[in-house]
């Protein structure tokens, strides 16, 4: 089973504020996410891939 991160946990990992991450979601520039049980959740693997892509110049 994959680990899921909340919006706040993901913002902390990306060193963004919650508001900045919400704007990234709105702009379509955030890691993939889904609403599960009414809460925005991120797969840890997707957040890690997002960070890796930023360092490889793919983002």
N, C-alpha and C. Protein backbone atom coordinates (compact mmCIF):
# COMPACT_ATOMS: atom_id res chain seq x y z
N UNK A 1 0.85 -1.19 0.00
CA UNK A 1 0.00 0.00 0.00
C UNK A 1 0.89 1.25 0.00
N UNK A 2 0.50 2.21 -0.79
CA UNK A 2 1.28 3.44 -0.90
C UNK A 2 0.93 4.41 0.23
N UNK A 3 1.94 5.12 0.67
CA UNK A 3 1.72 6.12 1.71
C UNK A 3 1.09 7.37 1.09
N UNK A 4 0.07 7.88 1.75
CA UNK A 4 -0.60 9.10 1.30
C UNK A 4 -0.20 10.26 2.20
N UNK A 5 -0.03 11.42 1.58
CA UNK A 5 0.32 12.63 2.31
C UNK A 5 -0.83 13.63 2.21
N UNK A 6 -1.06 14.35 3.29
CA UNK A 6 -2.08 15.39 3.29
C UNK A 6 -1.52 16.63 2.58
N UNK A 7 -2.38 17.59 2.38
CA UNK A 7 -1.98 18.85 1.77
C UNK A 7 -0.89 19.52 2.61
N UNK A 8 -1.08 19.55 3.91
CA UNK A 8 -0.09 20.18 4.80
C UNK A 8 1.24 19.43 4.79
N UNK A 9 1.20 18.11 4.80
CA UNK A 9 2.44 17.32 4.77
C UNK A 9 3.19 17.54 3.46
N UNK A 10 2.44 17.61 2.37
CA UNK A 10 3.06 17.82 1.06
C UNK A 10 3.66 19.22 0.98
N UNK A 11 2.94 20.21 1.46
CA UNK A 11 3.45 21.58 1.47
C UNK A 11 4.75 21.65 2.26
N UNK A 12 4.81 20.98 3.39
CA UNK A 12 6.02 20.98 4.21
C UNK A 12 7.18 20.33 3.45
N UNK A 13 6.90 19.22 2.76
CA UNK A 13 7.96 18.54 2.01
C UNK A 13 8.50 19.40 0.88
N UNK A 14 7.61 20.19 0.27
CA UNK A 14 8.02 21.05 -0.84
C UNK A 14 8.51 22.42 -0.35
N UNK A 15 8.47 22.61 0.96
CA UNK A 15 8.85 23.89 1.58
C UNK A 15 8.03 25.04 1.01
N UNK A 16 6.74 24.79 0.92
CA UNK A 16 5.76 25.78 0.47
C UNK A 16 4.76 25.98 1.60
N UNK A 17 4.06 27.11 1.55
CA UNK A 17 2.95 27.26 2.47
C UNK A 17 1.76 26.49 1.91
N UNK A 18 0.79 26.27 2.74
CA UNK A 18 -0.43 25.60 2.29
C UNK A 18 -1.07 26.39 1.14
N UNK A 19 -1.08 27.72 1.27
CA UNK A 19 -1.67 28.57 0.25
C UNK A 19 -0.90 28.47 -1.07
N UNK A 20 0.42 28.43 -1.00
CA UNK A 20 1.22 28.29 -2.22
C UNK A 20 0.92 26.97 -2.91
N UNK A 21 0.80 25.89 -2.13
CA UNK A 21 0.49 24.58 -2.72
C UNK A 21 -0.91 24.58 -3.32
N UNK A 22 -1.86 25.20 -2.65
CA UNK A 22 -3.22 25.28 -3.20
C UNK A 22 -3.20 26.03 -4.53
N UNK A 23 -2.39 27.09 -4.63
CA UNK A 23 -2.29 27.82 -5.89
C UNK A 23 -1.65 26.93 -6.96
N UNK A 24 -0.62 26.16 -6.60
CA UNK A 24 0.00 25.24 -7.55
C UNK A 24 -1.02 24.23 -8.07
N UNK A 25 -1.89 23.74 -7.20
CA UNK A 25 -2.94 22.81 -7.62
C UNK A 25 -3.85 23.50 -8.62
N UNK A 26 -4.26 24.73 -8.30
CA UNK A 26 -5.13 25.51 -9.17
C UNK A 26 -4.48 25.76 -10.53
N UNK A 27 -3.18 26.05 -10.53
CA UNK A 27 -2.45 26.36 -11.75
C UNK A 27 -2.04 25.11 -12.53
N UNK A 28 -2.19 23.93 -11.91
CA UNK A 28 -1.81 22.68 -12.57
C UNK A 28 -0.32 22.39 -12.52
N UNK A 29 0.39 22.98 -11.57
CA UNK A 29 1.83 22.78 -11.48
C UNK A 29 2.25 21.97 -10.24
N UNK A 30 1.29 21.43 -9.53
CA UNK A 30 1.57 20.65 -8.31
C UNK A 30 1.69 19.17 -8.66
N UNK A 31 2.25 18.39 -7.74
CA UNK A 31 2.25 16.93 -7.95
C UNK A 31 0.81 16.42 -8.08
N UNK A 32 0.66 15.27 -8.71
CA UNK A 32 -0.67 14.67 -8.87
C UNK A 32 -1.31 14.46 -7.51
N UNK A 33 -2.61 14.68 -7.46
CA UNK A 33 -3.34 14.50 -6.21
C UNK A 33 -4.77 14.07 -6.52
N UNK A 34 -5.47 13.67 -5.47
CA UNK A 34 -6.87 13.27 -5.62
C UNK A 34 -7.60 13.58 -4.32
N UNK A 35 -8.89 13.79 -4.44
CA UNK A 35 -9.70 13.96 -3.24
C UNK A 35 -10.16 12.57 -2.80
N UNK A 36 -9.83 12.24 -1.57
CA UNK A 36 -10.21 10.95 -1.00
C UNK A 36 -10.92 11.26 0.30
N UNK A 37 -12.18 10.87 0.39
CA UNK A 37 -12.95 11.16 1.59
C UNK A 37 -13.09 12.65 1.85
N UNK A 38 -13.10 13.44 0.78
CA UNK A 38 -13.25 14.88 0.92
C UNK A 38 -11.97 15.63 1.23
N UNK A 39 -10.86 14.90 1.32
CA UNK A 39 -9.56 15.53 1.62
C UNK A 39 -8.62 15.38 0.44
N UNK A 40 -7.86 16.41 0.15
CA UNK A 40 -6.86 16.37 -0.91
C UNK A 40 -5.69 15.54 -0.43
N UNK A 41 -5.34 14.50 -1.18
CA UNK A 41 -4.26 13.62 -0.78
C UNK A 41 -3.27 13.46 -1.93
N UNK A 42 -2.02 13.25 -1.57
CA UNK A 42 -0.94 13.07 -2.54
C UNK A 42 -0.26 11.74 -2.25
N UNK A 43 0.07 10.99 -3.29
CA UNK A 43 0.87 9.78 -3.09
C UNK A 43 2.31 10.21 -2.86
N UNK A 44 2.95 9.64 -1.87
CA UNK A 44 4.32 9.98 -1.55
C UNK A 44 5.22 9.78 -2.77
N UNK A 45 4.99 8.72 -3.52
CA UNK A 45 5.80 8.44 -4.71
C UNK A 45 5.65 9.55 -5.75
N UNK A 46 4.45 10.12 -5.89
CA UNK A 46 4.24 11.22 -6.85
C UNK A 46 4.97 12.48 -6.40
N UNK A 47 4.98 12.74 -5.11
CA UNK A 47 5.69 13.92 -4.58
C UNK A 47 7.19 13.73 -4.79
N UNK A 48 7.70 12.53 -4.52
CA UNK A 48 9.13 12.25 -4.73
C UNK A 48 9.49 12.40 -6.21
N UNK A 49 8.64 11.91 -7.10
CA UNK A 49 8.88 12.02 -8.54
C UNK A 49 8.87 13.49 -8.98
N UNK A 50 7.98 14.28 -8.40
CA UNK A 50 7.91 15.72 -8.69
C UNK A 50 9.21 16.41 -8.31
N UNK A 51 9.75 16.07 -7.14
CA UNK A 51 11.01 16.66 -6.68
C UNK A 51 12.15 16.21 -7.58
N UNK A 52 12.20 14.91 -7.91
CA UNK A 52 13.25 14.39 -8.78
C UNK A 52 13.21 15.06 -10.15
N UNK A 53 12.01 15.27 -10.69
CA UNK A 53 11.86 15.91 -11.99
C UNK A 53 12.36 17.36 -11.95
N UNK A 54 12.15 18.03 -10.84
CA UNK A 54 12.61 19.42 -10.72
C UNK A 54 14.14 19.48 -10.80
N UNK A 55 14.82 18.50 -10.23
CA UNK A 55 16.28 18.49 -10.26
C UNK A 55 16.83 18.02 -11.59
N UNK A 56 16.03 17.29 -12.36
CA UNK A 56 16.51 16.82 -13.67
C UNK A 56 16.18 17.82 -14.77
N UNK A 57 15.45 18.88 -14.40
CA UNK A 57 15.09 19.90 -15.38
C UNK A 57 13.85 19.57 -16.18
N UNK A 58 13.12 18.52 -15.79
CA UNK A 58 11.92 18.11 -16.54
C UNK A 58 10.69 18.91 -16.16
N UNK A 59 10.74 19.68 -15.09
CA UNK A 59 9.56 20.46 -14.69
C UNK A 59 9.75 21.90 -15.06
